[in-house]
N, C-alpha and C. Protein backbone atom coordinates (compact mmCIF):
# COMPACT_ATOMS: atom_id res chain seq x y z
N MET A 1 -192.27 -121.35 -15.47
CA MET A 1 -191.47 -122.15 -16.32
C MET A 1 -190.15 -121.68 -15.78
N GLU A 2 -189.32 -122.99 -15.72
CA GLU A 2 -188.23 -122.75 -15.32
C GLU A 2 -187.07 -123.46 -16.69
N ARG A 3 -186.24 -122.80 -16.87
CA ARG A 3 -184.97 -123.02 -18.06
C ARG A 3 -183.76 -123.42 -17.46
N ARG A 4 -183.13 -124.59 -17.70
CA ARG A 4 -181.81 -124.70 -17.27
C ARG A 4 -181.03 -124.35 -18.51
N MET A 5 -179.88 -123.49 -18.48
CA MET A 5 -178.89 -123.15 -19.59
C MET A 5 -177.40 -123.98 -19.09
N GLU A 6 -177.07 -124.83 -20.07
CA GLU A 6 -176.05 -125.04 -19.73
C GLU A 6 -174.71 -124.59 -20.75
N GLU A 7 -173.68 -124.43 -20.01
CA GLU A 7 -172.81 -123.74 -20.74
C GLU A 7 -171.86 -124.69 -21.68
N PRO A 8 -171.83 -124.37 -22.97
CA PRO A 8 -171.48 -125.24 -23.93
C PRO A 8 -169.95 -125.53 -23.58
N ARG A 9 -169.69 -126.97 -23.88
CA ARG A 9 -168.29 -127.70 -23.33
C ARG A 9 -167.35 -127.09 -24.31
N ARG A 10 -166.06 -126.71 -23.92
CA ARG A 10 -165.08 -126.38 -24.95
C ARG A 10 -164.28 -127.70 -25.19
N ARG A 11 -163.76 -127.71 -26.22
CA ARG A 11 -162.96 -128.70 -26.54
C ARG A 11 -161.57 -127.88 -26.64
N TRP A 12 -160.24 -128.61 -26.31
CA TRP A 12 -159.25 -128.44 -26.57
C TRP A 12 -158.32 -129.78 -26.76
N TRP A 13 -157.28 -129.53 -27.44
CA TRP A 13 -156.50 -130.51 -28.19
C TRP A 13 -154.85 -130.20 -27.95
N ARG A 14 -154.03 -131.25 -27.65
CA ARG A 14 -152.51 -130.98 -27.05
C ARG A 14 -152.00 -131.09 -28.61
N PHE A 15 -151.32 -130.33 -28.75
CA PHE A 15 -150.23 -130.26 -30.26
C PHE A 15 -149.06 -129.67 -29.59
N MET A 16 -148.15 -130.22 -30.72
CA MET A 16 -146.82 -129.66 -30.67
C MET A 16 -146.07 -129.44 -32.04
N ARG A 17 -145.35 -128.41 -32.21
CA ARG A 17 -144.71 -128.00 -33.61
C ARG A 17 -143.60 -127.69 -33.02
N LYS A 18 -142.49 -128.15 -34.00
CA LYS A 18 -141.06 -128.02 -33.73
C LYS A 18 -140.84 -127.35 -35.02
N PHE A 19 -139.71 -126.30 -34.80
CA PHE A 19 -139.26 -125.42 -35.97
C PHE A 19 -137.73 -124.90 -35.46
N PRO A 20 -136.47 -124.89 -36.54
CA PRO A 20 -135.55 -124.60 -36.15
C PRO A 20 -135.38 -122.99 -36.02
N LEU A 21 -134.77 -122.57 -35.02
CA LEU A 21 -134.43 -121.30 -34.90
C LEU A 21 -133.20 -120.80 -35.47
N PRO A 22 -133.04 -119.55 -36.03
CA PRO A 22 -131.95 -119.19 -36.52
C PRO A 22 -130.72 -118.88 -35.63
N GLU A 23 -129.23 -118.77 -35.81
CA GLU A 23 -128.50 -118.84 -35.07
C GLU A 23 -128.45 -117.68 -34.08
N ASN A 24 -128.85 -116.62 -34.64
CA ASN A 24 -128.93 -115.07 -33.91
C ASN A 24 -130.28 -115.06 -32.75
N ALA A 25 -130.91 -116.20 -32.58
CA ALA A 25 -131.96 -116.35 -31.85
C ALA A 25 -131.36 -116.33 -30.49
N ASN A 26 -132.20 -115.39 -29.54
CA ASN A 26 -131.95 -115.76 -28.05
C ASN A 26 -133.00 -116.39 -27.42
N THR A 27 -132.67 -117.60 -26.89
CA THR A 27 -133.34 -118.75 -26.59
C THR A 27 -133.66 -118.36 -25.24
N ASP A 28 -133.03 -117.33 -24.49
CA ASP A 28 -133.38 -117.09 -23.12
C ASP A 28 -134.67 -116.07 -23.29
N LYS A 29 -135.04 -115.34 -24.47
CA LYS A 29 -135.92 -114.38 -24.56
C LYS A 29 -137.10 -114.88 -25.56
N ILE A 30 -137.83 -115.89 -25.20
CA ILE A 30 -138.70 -116.58 -26.19
C ILE A 30 -139.96 -116.49 -25.24
N SER A 31 -141.02 -115.95 -25.87
CA SER A 31 -142.25 -115.77 -25.24
C SER A 31 -143.44 -116.35 -26.01
N ALA A 32 -144.39 -116.64 -25.65
CA ALA A 32 -145.68 -117.23 -26.36
C ALA A 32 -147.04 -116.55 -25.44
N VAL A 33 -148.04 -116.00 -26.34
CA VAL A 33 -149.28 -115.51 -26.15
C VAL A 33 -150.37 -116.39 -26.88
N CYS A 34 -151.29 -116.87 -26.18
CA CYS A 34 -152.61 -117.48 -27.05
C CYS A 34 -153.75 -116.61 -26.72
N GLN A 35 -154.22 -115.92 -27.74
CA GLN A 35 -155.49 -114.92 -27.58
C GLN A 35 -156.13 -115.03 -29.04
N ASP A 36 -157.52 -115.14 -28.48
CA ASP A 36 -158.75 -115.46 -29.45
C ASP A 36 -158.18 -116.92 -30.34
N GLY A 37 -157.64 -117.99 -29.80
CA GLY A 37 -157.39 -119.03 -30.55
C GLY A 37 -155.89 -118.75 -31.36
N VAL A 38 -155.44 -117.67 -31.49
CA VAL A 38 -154.26 -117.44 -32.34
C VAL A 38 -152.97 -117.33 -31.36
N LEU A 39 -151.92 -118.57 -31.53
CA LEU A 39 -150.71 -118.57 -30.72
C LEU A 39 -149.74 -117.69 -31.52
N THR A 40 -149.31 -116.73 -30.71
CA THR A 40 -148.17 -115.88 -31.08
C THR A 40 -146.84 -116.17 -30.41
N VAL A 41 -145.58 -116.63 -31.10
CA VAL A 41 -144.44 -117.03 -30.62
C VAL A 41 -143.56 -115.81 -30.81
N THR A 42 -142.92 -115.13 -30.08
CA THR A 42 -141.64 -114.15 -30.09
C THR A 42 -140.73 -114.51 -29.66
N VAL A 43 -139.66 -114.32 -30.63
CA VAL A 43 -138.32 -114.76 -30.34
C VAL A 43 -137.50 -113.58 -30.59
N GLU A 44 -136.51 -112.77 -29.91
CA GLU A 44 -135.75 -111.94 -29.76
C GLU A 44 -134.41 -112.32 -30.43
N LYS A 45 -133.78 -111.53 -31.11
CA LYS A 45 -132.42 -111.88 -31.93
C LYS A 45 -131.41 -111.30 -30.77
N LEU A 46 -130.51 -112.03 -30.85
CA LEU A 46 -129.33 -111.47 -30.30
C LEU A 46 -128.37 -110.58 -30.99
N PRO A 47 -127.79 -109.10 -30.25
CA PRO A 47 -127.17 -108.29 -30.73
C PRO A 47 -126.16 -108.83 -31.73
N PRO A 48 -125.85 -108.00 -33.08
CA PRO A 48 -124.75 -108.57 -33.73
C PRO A 48 -123.21 -108.72 -32.99
N PRO A 49 -122.81 -109.60 -33.45
CA PRO A 49 -121.16 -109.27 -32.62
C PRO A 49 -120.20 -108.34 -33.29
N GLU A 50 -119.72 -107.72 -32.27
CA GLU A 50 -118.83 -106.82 -32.15
C GLU A 50 -117.70 -107.18 -33.45
N PRO A 51 -117.29 -106.31 -34.34
CA PRO A 51 -116.38 -106.66 -35.14
C PRO A 51 -115.23 -106.56 -34.64
N LYS A 52 -114.29 -107.60 -35.27
CA LYS A 52 -112.75 -108.01 -34.45
C LYS A 52 -112.06 -106.82 -35.00
N LYS A 53 -111.22 -106.20 -33.89
CA LYS A 53 -110.40 -105.14 -34.11
C LYS A 53 -109.13 -106.07 -34.83
N PRO A 54 -108.31 -105.24 -35.81
CA PRO A 54 -107.28 -105.82 -36.26
C PRO A 54 -106.17 -105.89 -35.21
N LYS A 55 -105.59 -106.89 -35.42
CA LYS A 55 -104.32 -107.20 -34.54
C LYS A 55 -103.25 -106.50 -35.19
N THR A 56 -102.59 -105.40 -34.25
CA THR A 56 -100.93 -105.14 -34.90
C THR A 56 -99.86 -105.86 -34.39
N ILE A 57 -99.02 -106.41 -35.10
CA ILE A 57 -97.87 -107.08 -34.74
C ILE A 57 -96.84 -106.02 -35.06
N GLN A 58 -95.92 -106.05 -34.15
CA GLN A 58 -94.68 -105.44 -34.62
C GLN A 58 -93.51 -106.19 -35.18
N VAL A 59 -93.35 -105.76 -36.57
CA VAL A 59 -91.99 -106.53 -37.26
C VAL A 59 -90.60 -105.74 -37.14
N GLN A 60 -89.52 -106.59 -36.73
CA GLN A 60 -88.48 -105.89 -36.57
C GLN A 60 -87.40 -106.35 -37.89
N VAL A 61 -87.05 -105.05 -37.92
CA VAL A 61 -86.15 -105.40 -39.45
C VAL A 61 -84.76 -105.22 -39.19
N ALA A 62 -83.98 -106.52 -39.49
CA ALA A 62 -82.76 -106.25 -39.12
C ALA A 62 -81.64 -105.82 -40.15
């Protein structure tokens, strides 16, 4: 007796999801991984801007 087994067909869909990123998102460091049907998107933050140093102005008194 011979039995033929077929691999079940896998279904796939194309989808797109858009969402706004915060201003401090580093768009050069975005990565995505799909594992076990779960899509994980990782977005790194930019380092905080350096605080501005106060500017010293000399005032001449006449």
